[in-house]
C-alpha atoms as a PDB file:
ATOM      1  CA  UNK A   1      14.393 -20.154   1.318  1.00  0.00           C
ATOM      2  CA  UNK A   2      16.412 -16.976   1.386  1.00  0.00           C
ATOM      3  CA  UNK A   3      14.067 -15.383  -1.183  1.00  0.00           C
ATOM      4  CA  UNK A   4      11.010 -15.972   1.096  1.00  0.00           C
ATOM      5  CA  UNK A   5      13.006 -14.476   4.029  1.00  0.00           C
ATOM      6  CA  UNK A   6      13.940 -11.347   1.977  1.00  0.00           C
ATOM      7  CA  UNK A   7      10.358 -11.004   0.747  1.00  0.00           C
ATOM      8  CA  UNK A   8       9.030 -11.145   4.298  1.00  0.00           C
ATOM      9  CA  UNK A   9      11.618  -8.620   5.425  1.00  0.00           C
ATOM     10  CA  UNK A  10      10.614  -6.176   2.714  1.00  0.00           C
ATOM     11  CA  UNK A  11       7.007  -6.645   3.633  1.00  0.00           C
ATOM     12  CA  UNK A  12       7.631  -5.894   7.303  1.00  0.00           C
ATOM     13  CA  UNK A  13       9.760  -2.931   6.322  1.00  0.00           C
ATOM     14  CA  UNK A  14       6.881  -1.545   4.151  1.00  0.00           C
ATOM     15  CA  UNK A  15       4.415  -2.047   7.000  1.00  0.00           C
ATOM     16  CA  UNK A  16       6.679  -0.370   9.610  1.00  0.00           C
ATOM     17  CA  UNK A  17       5.542   2.952   8.154  1.00  0.00           C
ATOM     18  CA  UNK A  18       2.308   4.070   9.849  1.00  0.00           C
ATOM     19  CA  UNK A  19       1.019   5.755   6.750  1.00  0.00           C
ATOM     20  CA  UNK A  20       1.509   2.660   4.601  1.00  0.00           C
ATOM     21  CA  UNK A  21      -0.144   0.572   7.311  1.00  0.00           C
ATOM     22  CA  UNK A  22      -3.189   2.935   7.216  1.00  0.00           C
ATOM     23  CA  UNK A  23      -3.318   2.670   3.436  1.00  0.00           C
ATOM     24  CA  UNK A  24      -3.251  -1.152   3.627  1.00  0.00           C
ATOM     25  CA  UNK A  25      -6.044  -1.113   6.216  1.00  0.00           C
ATOM     26  CA  UNK A  26      -8.237   1.031   3.885  1.00  0.00           C
ATOM     27  CA  UNK A  27      -7.537  -1.291   0.986  1.00  0.00           C
ATOM     28  CA  UNK A  28      -8.328  -4.462   3.018  1.00  0.00           C
ATOM     29  CA  UNK A  29     -11.576  -2.901   4.385  1.00  0.00           C
ATOM     30  CA  UNK A  30     -12.495  -1.555   0.932  1.00  0.00           C
ATOM     31  CA  UNK A  31     -14.564  -3.028  -1.862  1.00  0.00           C
ATOM     32  CA  UNK A  32     -13.429  -6.345  -3.266  1.00  0.00           C
ATOM     33  CA  UNK A  33     -13.165  -4.806  -6.700  1.00  0.00           C
ATOM     34  CA  UNK A  34     -10.536  -2.382  -5.353  1.00  0.00           C
ATOM     35  CA  UNK A  35     -10.159   0.857  -3.592  1.00  0.00           C
ATOM     36  CA  UNK A  36      -9.682   3.990  -5.754  1.00  0.00           C
ATOM     37  CA  UNK A  37      -6.592   6.040  -4.941  1.00  0.00           C
ATOM     38  CA  UNK A  38      -8.719   9.101  -4.682  1.00  0.00           C
ATOM     39  CA  UNK A  39     -10.778   7.541  -1.925  1.00  0.00           C
ATOM     40  CA  UNK A  40      -7.570   6.703   0.067  1.00  0.00           C
ATOM     41  CA  UNK A  41      -6.225  10.183  -0.608  1.00  0.00           C
ATOM     42  CA  UNK A  42      -9.437  11.800   0.661  1.00  0.00           C
ATOM     43  CA  UNK A  43      -9.661   9.614   3.768  1.00  0.00           C
ATOM     44  CA  UNK A  44      -6.008  10.154   4.781  1.00  0.00           C
ATOM     45  CA  UNK A  45      -5.852  13.815   3.642  1.00  0.00           C
ATOM     46  CA  UNK A  46      -2.569  13.434   1.787  1.00  0.00           C
ATOM     47  CA  UNK A  47      -1.170  14.782  -1.508  1.00  0.00           C
ATOM     48  CA  UNK A  48      -1.393  12.490  -4.582  1.00  0.00           C
ATOM     49  CA  UNK A  49       2.399  12.394  -4.985  1.00  0.00           C
ATOM     50  CA  UNK A  50       2.899  11.102  -1.386  1.00  0.00           C
ATOM     51  CA  UNK A  51       0.123   8.547  -1.846  1.00  0.00           C
ATOM     52  CA  UNK A  52       1.718   7.399  -5.182  1.00  0.00           C
ATOM     53  CA  UNK A  53       5.052   6.856  -3.329  1.00  0.00           C
ATOM     54  CA  UNK A  54       3.501   4.786  -0.589  1.00  0.00           C
ATOM     55  CA  UNK A  55       1.503   2.752  -3.018  1.00  0.00           C
ATOM     56  CA  UNK A  56       4.616   1.997  -4.950  1.00  0.00           C
ATOM     57  CA  UNK A  57       6.371   0.812  -1.760  1.00  0.00           C
ATOM     58  CA  UNK A  58       3.441  -1.431  -0.920  1.00  0.00           C
ATOM     59  CA  UNK A  59       3.329  -2.723  -4.493  1.00  0.00           C
ATOM     60  CA  UNK A  60       7.072  -3.431  -4.482  1.00  0.00           C
ATOM     61  CA  UNK A  61       6.567  -5.453  -1.319  1.00  0.00           C
ATOM     62  CA  UNK A  62       3.734  -7.336  -3.082  1.00  0.00           C
ATOM     63  CA  UNK A  63       1.166  -6.206  -0.532  1.00  0.00           C
ATOM     64  CA  UNK A  64      -1.084  -4.423  -3.029  1.00  0.00           C
ATOM     65  CA  UNK A  65      -1.619  -4.539  -6.722  1.00  0.00           C
ATOM     66  CA  UNK A  66      -2.087  -1.059  -8.289  1.00  0.00           C
ATOM     67  CA  UNK A  67      -3.582  -0.371 -11.669  1.00  0.00           C
ATOM     68  CA  UNK A  68      -3.726   2.987 -13.374  1.00  0.00           C
ATOM     69  CA  UNK A  69      -6.965   3.910 -15.163  1.00  0.00           C
END
């Protein structure tokens, strides 16, 4: 079970950042087909590069699945 423990620790670490928590809230409350990054960027008023970093952290923790179009 050490893998599950490590995975949970990385998820909690990712969610300890208030910006990433706000991003996850927007994704969860968004459309079931997905939430466009531009929509998240607009709602949070942040640069695309910063959003990309936070989405990568959430994706690495397996909290979101990001696809580029």
